Amino acid sequence: MCKLLTRLTAAGLLSAALLSPAQAAEFTIRLGHLWPAVSGPHKNLIQPWADKIEAESGGRISVEVYPSGTLAKPPAQYDAVKNGIMDVTATVQGYSANRFPLTQIVELPGVAKDAVNGSCILQSLLDEKLISEEYEDTKPIFLYTHGPGLLHTRDKLIKVPSDLSGLRIRRPTTVVAELLTELNAQPVGMPAPGSYTAMQRGVIDGVAFPWEAMASFRLNELTNTHTEVGGLYTISFIVTMNKRVYNSLPADLQAIIDKNSGLSWAEKAGEVFDALDVVGKKQAEDAGHEIFTIEGGVNSPDWKPLLDKASQNYIDSLEAKGLPAKKVYQRARELATNCPS
């Protein structure tokens, strides 16, 4: 009987231990971003980063991830981190127009070959302190780009710039808006999540997106024709943290954030987006869509003069404001040859 009671007591204690809640984290970080929870960027990049921080901190840091602009809409996400509305974000710098002009040089035609290449370029520009002054109000964790941007339309195939005449094309940033304007299109500004509804309602005739986004935001459901202009543009992204939150962490936990920052994670992000481009393109191919590739990409005689003009106009406009755009552009082109792709 005594042995039975002992076994029952031990079993009860074990059961209680198994049922007791896990010890609460010392710090909770709220991370908000723009992609849907079912999308590749959320599942393959943002959530794995959050999981790694939790694991390497031994659960002392809990990272709560809020997709789909839950905590702040995409245009407000950077300021939401700056002002402490959320602690970390993954967002597009260009959604804050004219705020990161030197950073957005990476968006110009012919700078980046793919997402890995663009991410290395962008993070290196930050590490070399060529664009670091644009980020003094937050704690950058890593910067990256998506893969090559291209043109997707409902049913009009684009072969030469004049085919874009009069078409309302969703543009991600003002830099891409200038490119589209030079190409005779009518750029319509909106964050990525709004594109599906705008296309569905006929507000726009097409979108400028990488292949990844065509799957992430379901635009392959609404477009039938796609034009690849190699090197047309790429968009810059940032994962960044509220400075006060970072400074509130003890040194050993700051070290974990620092370890999961910088070039290694920038290139991981690039790898994720390049892989997702393959998924997005295959989705369109499997649906029987028409895909047209411009021979020579941005160096095609039909496209190059217009794109070169747009790039020069952007660089000249920054130089006129006293910004070292030529220096940053030249260094970005140098990095493009040294960075992996």
C-alpha atoms as a PDB file:
ATOM      1  CA  MET A   1       0.000   0.000   0.000  1.00  0.00           C
ATOM      2  CA  CYS A   2       2.816   2.377   0.945  1.00  0.00           C
ATOM      3  CA  LYS A   3       4.608   1.602  -2.330  1.00  0.00           C
ATOM      4  CA  LEU A   4       1.371   2.212  -4.239  1.00  0.00           C
ATOM      5  CA  LEU A   5       0.913   5.623  -2.577  1.00  0.00           C
ATOM      6  CA  THR A   6       4.496   6.496  -3.373  1.00  0.00           C
ATOM      7  CA  ARG A   7       3.976   5.612  -7.038  1.00  0.00           C
ATOM      8  CA  LEU A   8       0.742   7.598  -7.178  1.00  0.00           C
ATOM      9  CA  THR A   9       2.364  10.632  -5.544  1.00  0.00           C
ATOM     10  CA  ALA A  10       5.258  10.511  -8.006  1.00  0.00           C
ATOM     11  CA  ALA A  11       2.850  10.178 -10.911  1.00  0.00           C
ATOM     12  CA  GLY A  12       0.841  13.134  -9.652  1.00  0.00           C
ATOM     13  CA  LEU A  13       3.917  15.318  -9.358  1.00  0.00           C
ATOM     14  CA  LEU A  14       4.996  14.357 -12.879  1.00  0.00           C
ATOM     15  CA  SER A  15       1.544  15.115 -14.242  1.00  0.00           C
ATOM     16  CA  ALA A  16       1.505  18.496 -12.530  1.00  0.00           C
ATOM     17  CA  ALA A  17       4.899  19.316 -13.989  1.00  0.00           C
ATOM     18  CA  LEU A  18       3.759  18.397 -17.474  1.00  0.00           C
ATOM     19  CA  LEU A  19       0.600  20.449 -17.186  1.00  0.00           C
ATOM     20  CA  SER A  20       2.188  23.570 -15.690  1.00  0.00           C
ATOM     21  CA  PRO A  21       2.626  26.446 -18.119  1.00  0.00           C
ATOM     22  CA  ALA A  22       6.070  27.156 -19.545  1.00  0.00           C
ATOM     23  CA  GLN A  23       8.083  29.744 -17.738  1.00  0.00           C
ATOM     24  CA  ALA A  24       7.232  33.178 -19.110  1.00  0.00           C
ATOM     25  CA  ALA A  25       9.783  34.872 -21.346  1.00  0.00           C
ATOM     26  CA  GLU A  26      11.720  37.769 -19.868  1.00  0.00           C
ATOM     27  CA  PHE A  27      11.186  39.871 -23.015  1.00  0.00           C
ATOM     28  CA  THR A  28       8.454  39.791 -25.637  1.00  0.00           C
ATOM     29  CA  ILE A  29       9.189  41.256 -29.064  1.00  0.00           C
ATOM     30  CA  ARG A  30       6.295  42.103 -31.383  1.00  0.00           C
ATOM     31  CA  LEU A  31       7.273  41.761 -35.046  1.00  0.00           C
ATOM     32  CA  GLY A  32       4.895  43.017 -37.717  1.00  0.00           C
ATOM     33  CA  HIS A  33       5.228  42.668 -41.492  1.00  0.00           C
ATOM     34  CA  LEU A  34       3.220  43.004 -44.701  1.00  0.00           C
ATOM     35  CA  TRP A  35       3.003  39.434 -46.099  1.00  0.00           C
ATOM     36  CA  PRO A  36       0.109  37.030 -45.541  1.00  0.00           C
ATOM     37  CA  ALA A  37       0.681  34.250 -43.007  1.00  0.00           C
ATOM     38  CA  VAL A  38       0.440  31.635 -45.776  1.00  0.00           C
ATOM     39  CA  SER A  39       3.113  33.304 -47.918  1.00  0.00           C
ATOM     40  CA  GLY A  40       6.661  32.133 -48.508  1.00  0.00           C
ATOM     41  CA  PRO A  41       8.356  35.218 -47.007  1.00  0.00           C
ATOM     42  CA  HIS A  42       6.449  34.699 -43.741  1.00  0.00           C
ATOM     43  CA  LYS A  43       7.022  30.947 -43.531  1.00  0.00           C
ATOM     44  CA  ASN A  44      10.553  30.764 -44.946  1.00  0.00           C
ATOM     45  CA  LEU A  45      12.193  33.957 -43.662  1.00  0.00           C
ATOM     46  CA  ILE A  46      10.390  35.959 -40.991  1.00  0.00           C
ATOM     47  CA  GLN A  47       9.121  33.113 -38.817  1.00  0.00           C
ATOM     48  CA  PRO A  48      12.459  31.221 -38.973  1.00  0.00           C
ATOM     49  CA  TRP A  49      14.285  34.356 -37.805  1.00  0.00           C
ATOM     50  CA  ALA A  50      11.838  34.710 -34.908  1.00  0.00           C
ATOM     51  CA  ASP A  51      12.194  31.017 -34.029  1.00  0.00           C
ATOM     52  CA  LYS A  52      15.981  31.282 -34.039  1.00  0.00           C
ATOM     53  CA  ILE A  53      15.948  34.237 -31.649  1.00  0.00           C
ATOM     54  CA  GLU A  54      13.679  32.329 -29.282  1.00  0.00           C
ATOM     55  CA  ALA A  55      15.759  29.156 -29.472  1.00  0.00           C
ATOM     56  CA  GLU A  56      19.148  30.802 -29.037  1.00  0.00           C
ATOM     57  CA  SER A  57      17.877  32.859 -26.102  1.00  0.00           C
ATOM     58  CA  GLY A  58      16.647  29.699 -24.394  1.00  0.00           C
ATOM     59  CA  GLY A  59      13.133  31.101 -24.412  1.00  0.00           C
ATOM     60  CA  ARG A  60      14.125  34.281 -22.594  1.00  0.00           C
ATOM     61  CA  ILE A  61      12.992  36.227 -25.666  1.00  0.00           C
ATOM     62  CA  SER A  62       9.564  35.512 -27.124  1.00  0.00           C
ATOM     63  CA  VAL A  63       8.951  36.825 -30.656  1.00  0.00           C
ATOM     64  CA  GLU A  64       5.303  37.317 -31.545  1.00  0.00           C
ATOM     65  CA  VAL A  65       4.888  37.610 -35.325  1.00  0.00           C
ATOM     66  CA  TYR A  66       1.967  39.606 -36.759  1.00  0.00           C
ATOM     67  CA  PRO A  67       1.587  39.176 -40.547  1.00  0.00           C
ATOM     68  CA  SER A  68      -0.614  41.059 -43.025  1.00  0.00           C
ATOM     69  CA  GLY A  69      -0.074  44.514 -41.545  1.00  0.00           C
ATOM     70  CA  THR A  70      -1.957  43.621 -38.359  1.00  0.00           C
ATOM     71  CA  LEU A  71      -0.079  46.035 -36.091  1.00  0.00           C
ATOM     72  CA  ALA A  72       0.505  48.746 -38.697  1.00  0.00           C
ATOM     73  CA  LYS A  73      -0.264  49.109 -42.388  1.00  0.00           C
ATOM     74  CA  PRO A  74       2.747  48.770 -44.705  1.00  0.00           C
ATOM     75  CA  PRO A  75       3.349  52.507 -45.308  1.00  0.00           C
ATOM     76  CA  ALA A  76       3.412  53.100 -41.537  1.00  0.00           C
ATOM     77  CA  GLN A  77       5.481  50.107 -40.442  1.00  0.00           C
ATOM     78  CA  TYR A  78       8.880  51.781 -40.265  1.00  0.00           C
ATOM     79  CA  ASP A  79       7.512  54.658 -38.178  1.00  0.00           C
ATOM     80  CA  ALA A  80       5.603  52.175 -36.035  1.00  0.00           C
ATOM     81  CA  VAL A  81       8.938  50.649 -35.015  1.00  0.00           C
ATOM     82  CA  LYS A  82      10.602  54.023 -34.593  1.00  0.00           C
ATOM     83  CA  ASN A  83       7.765  55.162 -32.312  1.00  0.00           C
ATOM     84  CA  GLY A  84       7.443  51.907 -30.351  1.00  0.00           C
ATOM     85  CA  ILE A  85       4.039  50.825 -31.663  1.00  0.00           C
ATOM     86  CA  MET A  86       5.750  47.566 -32.542  1.00  0.00           C
ATOM     87  CA  ASP A  87       9.252  46.373 -31.779  1.00  0.00           C
ATOM     88  CA  VAL A  88      10.500  44.939 -35.083  1.00  0.00           C
ATOM     89  CA  THR A  89       9.309  45.104 -38.669  1.00  0.00           C
ATOM     90  CA  ALA A  90      10.150  43.678 -42.063  1.00  0.00           C
ATOM     91  CA  THR A  91       9.057  46.286 -44.560  1.00  0.00           C
ATOM     92  CA  VAL A  92       9.804  48.189 -47.768  1.00  0.00           C
ATOM     93  CA  GLN A  93      11.857  51.355 -47.336  1.00  0.00           C
ATOM     94  CA  GLY A  94      10.301  52.873 -50.444  1.00  0.00           C
ATOM     95  CA  TYR A  95       6.853  52.857 -48.847  1.00  0.00           C
ATOM     96  CA  SER A  96       8.177  55.889 -46.920  1.00  0.00           C
ATOM     97  CA  ALA A  97       8.663  58.092 -49.972  1.00  0.00           C
ATOM     98  CA  ASN A  98      11.876  60.165 -50.189  1.00  0.00           C
ATOM     99  CA  ARG A  99      13.080  58.921 -46.803  1.00  0.00           C
ATOM    100  CA  PHE A 100      15.730  56.455 -47.975  1.00  0.00           C
ATOM    101  CA  PRO A 101      16.905  57.950 -51.278  1.00  0.00           C
ATOM    102  CA  LEU A 102      20.453  56.552 -51.233  1.00  0.00           C
ATOM    103  CA  THR A 103      19.215  53.109 -50.218  1.00  0.00           C
ATOM    104  CA  GLN A 104      16.847  53.074 -53.182  1.00  0.00           C
ATOM    105  CA  ILE A 105      19.700  53.410 -55.655  1.00  0.00           C
ATOM    106  CA  VAL A 106      19.755  49.595 -55.548  1.00  0.00           C
ATOM    107  CA  GLU A 107      16.309  49.715 -57.178  1.00  0.00           C
ATOM    108  CA  LEU A 108      17.635  51.271 -60.399  1.00  0.00           C
ATOM    109  CA  PRO A 109      17.818  49.237 -63.614  1.00  0.00           C
ATOM    110  CA  GLY A 110      20.792  46.954 -64.047  1.00  0.00           C
ATOM    111  CA  VAL A 111      22.148  47.258 -60.494  1.00  0.00           C
ATOM    112  CA  ALA A 112      21.195  43.873 -59.014  1.00  0.00           C
ATOM    113  CA  LYS A 113      21.190  40.538 -60.829  1.00  0.00           C
ATOM    114  CA  ASP A 114      18.912  38.668 -58.414  1.00  0.00           C
ATOM    115  CA  ALA A 115      17.839  38.723 -54.765  1.00  0.00           C
ATOM    116  CA  VAL A 116      21.061  37.240 -53.363  1.00  0.00           C
ATOM    117  CA  ASN A 117      23.127  39.713 -55.363  1.00  0.00           C
ATOM    118  CA  GLY A 118      20.911  42.688 -54.459  1.00  0.00           C
ATOM    119  CA  SER A 119      20.805  41.750 -50.779  1.00  0.00           C
ATOM    120  CA  CYS A 120      24.597  41.537 -50.608  1.00  0.00           C
ATOM    121  CA  ILE A 121      24.911  44.906 -52.360  1.00  0.00           C
ATOM    122  CA  LEU A 122      22.431  46.591 -50.043  1.00  0.00           C
ATOM    123  CA  GLN A 123      23.747  45.165 -46.774  1.00  0.00           C
ATOM    124  CA  SER A 124      27.314  45.983 -47.847  1.00  0.00           C
ATOM    125  CA  LEU A 125      26.371  49.592 -48.544  1.00  0.00           C
ATOM    126  CA  LEU A 126      25.030  49.787 -44.994  1.00  0.00           C
ATOM    127  CA  ASP A 127      28.066  48.037 -43.487  1.00  0.00           C
ATOM    128  CA  GLU A 128      30.375  50.405 -45.346  1.00  0.00           C
ATOM    129  CA  LYS A 129      28.371  53.314 -43.880  1.00  0.00           C
ATOM    130  CA  LEU A 130      27.440  54.703 -47.278  1.00  0.00           C
ATOM    131  CA  ILE A 131      23.729  54.696 -46.430  1.00  0.00           C
ATOM    132  CA  SER A 132      23.831  54.308 -42.626  1.00  0.00           C
ATOM    133  CA  GLU A 133      22.726  57.903 -41.923  1.00  0.00           C
ATOM    134  CA  GLU A 134      19.296  56.991 -43.283  1.00  0.00           C
ATOM    135  CA  TYR A 135      18.800  54.545 -40.388  1.00  0.00           C
ATOM    136  CA  GLU A 136      19.817  56.510 -37.318  1.00  0.00           C
ATOM    137  CA  ASP A 137      16.318  56.353 -35.802  1.00  0.00           C
ATOM    138  CA  THR A 138      16.094  52.524 -35.608  1.00  0.00           C
ATOM    139  CA  LYS A 139      18.392  49.525 -35.120  1.00  0.00           C
ATOM    140  CA  PRO A 140      18.802  47.800 -38.528  1.00  0.00           C
ATOM    141  CA  ILE A 141      19.039  44.021 -38.267  1.00  0.00           C
ATOM    142  CA  PHE A 142      19.502  43.209 -41.949  1.00  0.00           C
ATOM    143  CA  LEU A 143      18.665  44.670 -45.342  1.00  0.00           C
ATOM    144  CA  TYR A 144      17.802  42.726 -48.475  1.00  0.00           C
ATOM    145  CA  THR A 145      16.091  42.921 -51.861  1.00  0.00           C
ATOM    146  CA  HIS A 146      13.600  40.797 -53.707  1.00  0.00           C
ATOM    147  CA  GLY A 147      14.486  39.274 -57.064  1.00  0.00           C
ATOM    148  CA  PRO A 148      14.155  40.901 -60.489  1.00  0.00           C
ATOM    149  CA  GLY A 149      11.002  42.929 -60.914  1.00  0.00           C
ATOM    150  CA  LEU A 150       8.971  42.432 -64.074  1.00  0.00           C
ATOM    151  CA  LEU A 151       5.702  43.474 -65.671  1.00  0.00           C
ATOM    152  CA  HIS A 152       2.468  41.520 -65.377  1.00  0.00           C
ATOM    153  CA  THR A 153      -0.749  42.491 -67.157  1.00  0.00           C
ATOM    154  CA  ARG A 154      -4.243  41.128 -67.350  1.00  0.00           C
ATOM    155  CA  ASP A 155      -4.177  40.305 -71.055  1.00  0.00           C
ATOM    156  CA  LYS A 156      -2.006  42.749 -73.047  1.00  0.00           C
ATOM    157  CA  LEU A 157       1.464  41.358 -73.703  1.00  0.00           C
ATOM    158  CA  ILE A 158       4.229  43.963 -73.390  1.00  0.00           C
ATOM    159  CA  LYS A 159       7.023  43.606 -75.961  1.00  0.00           C
ATOM    160  CA  VAL A 160       8.231  47.192 -76.385  1.00  0.00           C
ATOM    161  CA  PRO A 161       7.834  50.244 -74.123  1.00  0.00           C
ATOM    162  CA  SER A 162       5.123  51.746 -76.326  1.00  0.00           C
ATOM    163  CA  ASP A 163       2.912  48.761 -75.458  1.00  0.00           C
ATOM    164  CA  LEU A 164       2.676  50.230 -71.949  1.00  0.00           C
ATOM    165  CA  SER A 165       1.150  53.473 -73.206  1.00  0.00           C
ATOM    166  CA  GLY A 166      -1.933  54.335 -71.190  1.00  0.00           C
ATOM    167  CA  LEU A 167      -1.771  51.236 -69.000  1.00  0.00           C
ATOM    168  CA  ARG A 168      -2.257  51.787 -65.275  1.00  0.00           C
ATOM    169  CA  ILE A 169       0.500  49.783 -63.612  1.00  0.00           C
ATOM    170  CA  ARG A 170       0.843  49.325 -59.866  1.00  0.00           C
ATOM    171  CA  ARG A 171       4.247  50.573 -58.787  1.00  0.00           C
ATOM    172  CA  PRO A 172       5.903  49.798 -55.438  1.00  0.00           C
ATOM    173  CA  THR A 173       8.020  52.951 -54.971  1.00  0.00           C
ATOM    174  CA  THR A 174       8.621  56.390 -56.460  1.00  0.00           C
ATOM    175  CA  VAL A 175      11.821  55.106 -58.066  1.00  0.00           C
ATOM    176  CA  VAL A 176       9.905  52.478 -60.005  1.00  0.00           C
ATOM    177  CA  ALA A 177       7.234  55.094 -60.749  1.00  0.00           C
ATOM    178  CA  GLU A 178       9.858  57.157 -62.593  1.00  0.00           C
ATOM    179  CA  LEU A 179      10.890  54.120 -64.606  1.00  0.00           C
ATOM    180  CA  LEU A 180       7.298  53.374 -65.564  1.00  0.00           C
ATOM    181  CA  THR A 181       6.668  56.990 -66.507  1.00  0.00           C
ATOM    182  CA  GLU A 182       9.653  56.941 -68.873  1.00  0.00           C
ATOM    183  CA  LEU A 183       8.244  53.713 -70.338  1.00  0.00           C
ATOM    184  CA  ASN A 184       4.923  55.478 -71.134  1.00  0.00           C
ATOM    185  CA  ALA A 185       2.898  53.707 -68.426  1.00  0.00           C
ATOM    186  CA  GLN A 186       0.684  55.389 -65.844  1.00  0.00           C
ATOM    187  CA  PRO A 187       2.115  54.369 -62.443  1.00  0.00           C
ATOM    188  CA  VAL A 188      -0.360  53.863 -59.614  1.00  0.00           C
ATOM    189  CA  GLY A 189       1.140  53.801 -56.121  1.00  0.00           C
ATOM    190  CA  MET A 190       0.013  51.209 -53.604  1.00  0.00           C
ATOM    191  CA  PRO A 191       1.559  48.713 -51.178  1.00  0.00           C
ATOM    192  CA  ALA A 192       1.682  45.125 -52.374  1.00  0.00           C
ATOM    193  CA  PRO A 193      -1.276  43.823 -50.291  1.00  0.00           C
ATOM    194  CA  GLY A 194      -3.695  46.200 -52.028  1.00  0.00           C
ATOM    195  CA  SER A 195      -2.828  45.052 -55.535  1.00  0.00           C
ATOM    196  CA  TYR A 196      -5.193  42.074 -55.751  1.00  0.00           C
ATOM    197  CA  THR A 197      -8.314  44.094 -54.998  1.00  0.00           C
ATOM    198  CA  ALA A 198      -7.197  46.940 -57.270  1.00  0.00           C
ATOM    199  CA  MET A 199      -6.655  44.531 -60.157  1.00  0.00           C
ATOM    200  CA  GLN A 200      -9.902  42.704 -59.458  1.00  0.00           C
ATOM    201  CA  ARG A 201     -11.865  45.971 -59.534  1.00  0.00           C
ATOM    202  CA  GLY A 202     -10.182  47.261 -62.680  1.00  0.00           C
ATOM    203  CA  VAL A 203      -8.416  50.115 -60.927  1.00  0.00           C
ATOM    204  CA  ILE A 204      -5.143  48.934 -62.485  1.00  0.00           C
ATOM    205  CA  ASP A 205      -4.299  47.061 -65.675  1.00  0.00           C
ATOM    206  CA  GLY A 206      -1.168  45.400 -64.392  1.00  0.00           C
ATOM    207  CA  VAL A 207       1.522  45.288 -61.726  1.00  0.00           C
ATOM    208  CA  ALA A 208       5.274  45.618 -61.369  1.00  0.00           C
ATOM    209  CA  PHE A 209       6.282  42.688 -59.164  1.00  0.00           C
ATOM    210  CA  PRO A 210       8.859  39.923 -58.881  1.00  0.00           C
ATOM    211  CA  TRP A 211       7.633  36.381 -59.480  1.00  0.00           C
ATOM    212  CA  GLU A 212       7.609  35.753 -55.724  1.00  0.00           C
ATOM    213  CA  ALA A 213       4.944  38.373 -55.126  1.00  0.00           C
ATOM    214  CA  MET A 214       2.727  36.993 -57.882  1.00  0.00           C
ATOM    215  CA  ALA A 215       2.295  33.907 -55.727  1.00  0.00           C
ATOM    216  CA  SER A 216       2.432  35.595 -52.308  1.00  0.00           C
ATOM    217  CA  PHE A 217      -0.346  38.047 -53.188  1.00  0.00           C
ATOM    218  CA  ARG A 218      -2.239  35.728 -55.577  1.00  0.00           C
ATOM    219  CA  LEU A 219      -1.810  38.004 -58.605  1.00  0.00           C
ATOM    220  CA  ASN A 220      -1.258  35.024 -60.902  1.00  0.00           C
ATOM    221  CA  GLU A 221      -5.008  34.467 -60.499  1.00  0.00           C
ATOM    222  CA  LEU A 222      -5.747  37.775 -62.259  1.00  0.00           C
ATOM    223  CA  THR A 223      -2.989  38.182 -64.853  1.00  0.00           C
ATOM    224  CA  ASN A 224      -2.367  36.190 -68.003  1.00  0.00           C
ATOM    225  CA  THR A 225       0.632  37.901 -69.619  1.00  0.00           C
ATOM    226  CA  HIS A 226       4.078  38.549 -68.187  1.00  0.00           C
ATOM    227  CA  THR A 227       7.144  40.384 -69.506  1.00  0.00           C
ATOM    228  CA  GLU A 228      10.638  39.728 -68.170  1.00  0.00           C
ATOM    229  CA  VAL A 229      12.998  42.652 -68.727  1.00  0.00           C
ATOM    230  CA  GLY A 230      16.167  41.346 -67.110  1.00  0.00           C
ATOM    231  CA  GLY A 231      17.475  43.826 -64.554  1.00  0.00           C
ATOM    232  CA  LEU A 232      14.457  46.154 -64.769  1.00  0.00           C
ATOM    233  CA  TYR A 233      14.415  46.919 -61.042  1.00  0.00           C
ATOM    234  CA  THR A 234      14.532  45.405 -57.583  1.00  0.00           C
ATOM    235  CA  ILE A 235      13.068  46.647 -54.307  1.00  0.00           C
ATOM    236  CA  SER A 236      14.889  47.198 -51.009  1.00  0.00           C
ATOM    237  CA  PHE A 237      13.592  45.786 -47.716  1.00  0.00           C
ATOM    238  CA  ILE A 238      14.675  46.129 -44.110  1.00  0.00           C
ATOM    239  CA  VAL A 239      14.254  44.143 -40.917  1.00  0.00           C
ATOM    240  CA  THR A 240      14.781  46.693 -38.174  1.00  0.00           C
ATOM    241  CA  MET A 241      14.228  47.080 -34.434  1.00  0.00           C
ATOM    242  CA  ASN A 242      13.185  49.818 -32.054  1.00  0.00           C
ATOM    243  CA  LYS A 243      16.351  51.241 -30.488  1.00  0.00           C
ATOM    244  CA  ARG A 244      14.904  51.510 -26.987  1.00  0.00           C
ATOM    245  CA  VAL A 245      13.813  47.873 -27.062  1.00  0.00           C
ATOM    246  CA  TYR A 246      17.250  46.738 -28.216  1.00  0.00           C
ATOM    247  CA  ASN A 247      18.984  48.858 -25.581  1.00  0.00           C
ATOM    248  CA  SER A 248      16.704  47.428 -22.859  1.00  0.00           C
ATOM    249  CA  LEU A 249      18.047  43.923 -23.476  1.00  0.00           C
ATOM    250  CA  PRO A 250      20.962  42.660 -21.381  1.00  0.00           C
ATOM    251  CA  ALA A 251      24.261  42.304 -23.224  1.00  0.00           C
ATOM    252  CA  ASP A 252      23.975  38.538 -23.729  1.00  0.00           C
ATOM    253  CA  LEU A 253      20.570  38.887 -25.399  1.00  0.00           C
ATOM    254  CA  GLN A 254      21.760  41.825 -27.501  1.00  0.00           C
ATOM    255  CA  ALA A 255      24.527  39.511 -28.680  1.00  0.00           C
ATOM    256  CA  ILE A 256      21.912  37.036 -29.924  1.00  0.00           C
ATOM    257  CA  ILE A 257      20.192  39.766 -31.947  1.00  0.00           C
ATOM    258  CA  ASP A 258      23.575  40.871 -33.291  1.00  0.00           C
ATOM    259  CA  LYS A 259      24.499  37.300 -34.214  1.00  0.00           C
ATOM    260  CA  ASN A 260      21.314  37.047 -36.266  1.00  0.00           C
ATOM    261  CA  SER A 261      21.920  40.292 -38.106  1.00  0.00           C
ATOM    262  CA  GLY A 262      23.988  41.550 -41.010  1.00  0.00           C
ATOM    263  CA  LEU A 263      25.242  39.979 -44.218  1.00  0.00           C
ATOM    264  CA  SER A 264      24.597  36.315 -43.410  1.00  0.00           C
ATOM    265  CA  TRP A 265      20.886  36.945 -42.859  1.00  0.00           C
ATOM    266  CA  ALA A 266      20.723  39.383 -45.783  1.00  0.00           C
ATOM    267  CA  GLU A 267      21.983  36.640 -48.080  1.00  0.00           C
ATOM    268  CA  LYS A 268      19.612  34.099 -46.489  1.00  0.00           C
ATOM    269  CA  ALA A 269      16.769  36.469 -47.312  1.00  0.00           C
ATOM    270  CA  GLY A 270      18.011  36.716 -50.871  1.00  0.00           C
ATOM    271  CA  GLU A 271      18.112  32.931 -51.163  1.00  0.00           C
ATOM    272  CA  VAL A 272      14.524  32.726 -49.910  1.00  0.00           C
ATOM    273  CA  PHE A 273      13.267  35.282 -52.414  1.00  0.00           C
ATOM    274  CA  ASP A 274      15.165  33.776 -55.347  1.00  0.00           C
ATOM    275  CA  ALA A 275      13.661  30.375 -54.519  1.00  0.00           C
ATOM    276  CA  LEU A 276      10.189  31.886 -54.259  1.00  0.00           C
ATOM    277  CA  ASP A 277      10.624  33.494 -57.685  1.00  0.00           C
ATOM    278  CA  VAL A 278      10.935  29.983 -59.111  1.00  0.00           C
ATOM    279  CA  VAL A 279       7.684  29.021 -57.390  1.00  0.00           C
ATOM    280  CA  GLY A 280       5.821  32.076 -58.663  1.00  0.00           C
ATOM    281  CA  LYS A 281       6.972  31.599 -62.251  1.00  0.00           C
ATOM    282  CA  LYS A 282       6.129  27.889 -62.276  1.00  0.00           C
ATOM    283  CA  GLN A 283       2.652  28.750 -61.028  1.00  0.00           C
ATOM    284  CA  ALA A 284       2.133  31.008 -64.061  1.00  0.00           C
ATOM    285  CA  GLU A 285       3.620  28.423 -66.429  1.00  0.00           C
ATOM    286  CA  ASP A 286       1.385  25.679 -65.062  1.00  0.00           C
ATOM    287  CA  ALA A 287      -1.629  27.943 -65.602  1.00  0.00           C
ATOM    288  CA  GLY A 288      -0.676  28.364 -69.274  1.00  0.00           C
ATOM    289  CA  HIS A 289       0.153  32.063 -69.070  1.00  0.00           C
ATOM    290  CA  GLU A 290       2.104  33.822 -71.821  1.00  0.00           C
ATOM    291  CA  ILE A 291       5.604  34.822 -70.680  1.00  0.00           C
ATOM    292  CA  PHE A 292       7.749  37.028 -72.917  1.00  0.00           C
ATOM    293  CA  THR A 293      11.442  37.625 -72.251  1.00  0.00           C
ATOM    294  CA  ILE A 294      13.091  40.759 -73.657  1.00  0.00           C
ATOM    295  CA  GLU A 295      16.331  39.794 -75.382  1.00  0.00           C
ATOM    296  CA  GLY A 296      19.182  41.665 -73.714  1.00  0.00           C
ATOM    297  CA  GLY A 297      16.998  42.827 -70.817  1.00  0.00           C
ATOM    298  CA  VAL A 298      17.716  46.410 -69.813  1.00  0.00           C
ATOM    299  CA  ASN A 299      20.360  46.577 -72.560  1.00  0.00           C
ATOM    300  CA  SER A 300      17.787  45.982 -75.287  1.00  0.00           C
ATOM    301  CA  PRO A 301      17.896  48.879 -77.798  1.00  0.00           C
ATOM    302  CA  ASP A 302      14.169  49.464 -77.299  1.00  0.00           C
ATOM    303  CA  TRP A 303      14.430  49.742 -73.517  1.00  0.00           C
ATOM    304  CA  LYS A 304      17.931  50.965 -72.668  1.00  0.00           C
ATOM    305  CA  PRO A 305      17.654  54.679 -73.627  1.00  0.00           C
ATOM    306  CA  LEU A 306      14.493  55.163 -71.578  1.00  0.00           C
ATOM    307  CA  LEU A 307      15.778  53.261 -68.553  1.00  0.00           C
ATOM    308  CA  ASP A 308      19.163  55.000 -68.655  1.00  0.00           C
ATOM    309  CA  LYS A 309      17.382  58.350 -68.695  1.00  0.00           C
ATOM    310  CA  ALA A 310      15.273  57.419 -65.675  1.00  0.00           C
ATOM    311  CA  SER A 311      18.369  56.289 -63.752  1.00  0.00           C
ATOM    312  CA  GLN A 312      20.306  59.433 -64.610  1.00  0.00           C
ATOM    313  CA  ASN A 313      17.382  61.645 -63.629  1.00  0.00           C
ATOM    314  CA  TYR A 314      17.189  59.961 -60.222  1.00  0.00           C
ATOM    315  CA  ILE A 315      20.925  60.228 -59.554  1.00  0.00           C
ATOM    316  CA  ASP A 316      21.022  63.858 -60.702  1.00  0.00           C
ATOM    317  CA  SER A 317      18.063  64.744 -58.482  1.00  0.00           C
ATOM    318  CA  LEU A 318      19.847  63.383 -55.401  1.00  0.00           C
ATOM    319  CA  GLU A 319      23.117  65.100 -56.293  1.00  0.00           C
ATOM    320  CA  ALA A 320      21.195  68.377 -56.596  1.00  0.00           C
ATOM    321  CA  LYS A 321      20.119  67.876 -52.967  1.00  0.00           C
ATOM    322  CA  GLY A 322      23.721  67.423 -51.869  1.00  0.00           C
ATOM    323  CA  LEU A 323      23.551  63.640 -51.551  1.00  0.00           C
ATOM    324  CA  PRO A 324      26.467  61.462 -52.781  1.00  0.00           C
ATOM    325  CA  ALA A 325      24.340  59.513 -55.244  1.00  0.00           C
ATOM    326  CA  LYS A 326      27.083  59.032 -57.838  1.00  0.00           C
ATOM    327  CA  LYS A 327      29.426  57.583 -55.204  1.00  0.00           C
ATOM    328  CA  VAL A 328      26.785  55.177 -53.895  1.00  0.00           C
ATOM    329  CA  TYR A 329      25.708  54.164 -57.410  1.00  0.00           C
ATOM    330  CA  GLN A 330      29.293  53.492 -58.460  1.00  0.00           C
ATOM    331  CA  ARG A 331      29.947  51.430 -55.331  1.00  0.00           C
ATOM    332  CA  ALA A 332      26.715  49.476 -55.841  1.00  0.00           C
ATOM    333  CA  ARG A 333      27.812  48.572 -59.368  1.00  0.00           C
ATOM    334  CA  GLU A 334      31.219  47.491 -58.045  1.00  0.00           C
ATOM    335  CA  LEU A 335      29.617  45.351 -55.356  1.00  0.00           C
ATOM    336  CA  ALA A 336      27.368  43.728 -57.935  1.00  0.00           C
ATOM    337  CA  THR A 337      30.400  42.176 -59.588  1.00  0.00           C
ATOM    338  CA  ASN A 338      31.837  40.918 -56.272  1.00  0.00           C
ATOM    339  CA  CYS A 339      28.668  39.791 -54.521  1.00  0.00           C
ATOM    340  CA  PRO A 340      27.290  36.284 -55.157  1.00  0.00           C
ATOM    341  CA  SER A 341      24.342  35.760 -57.462  1.00  0.00           C
END
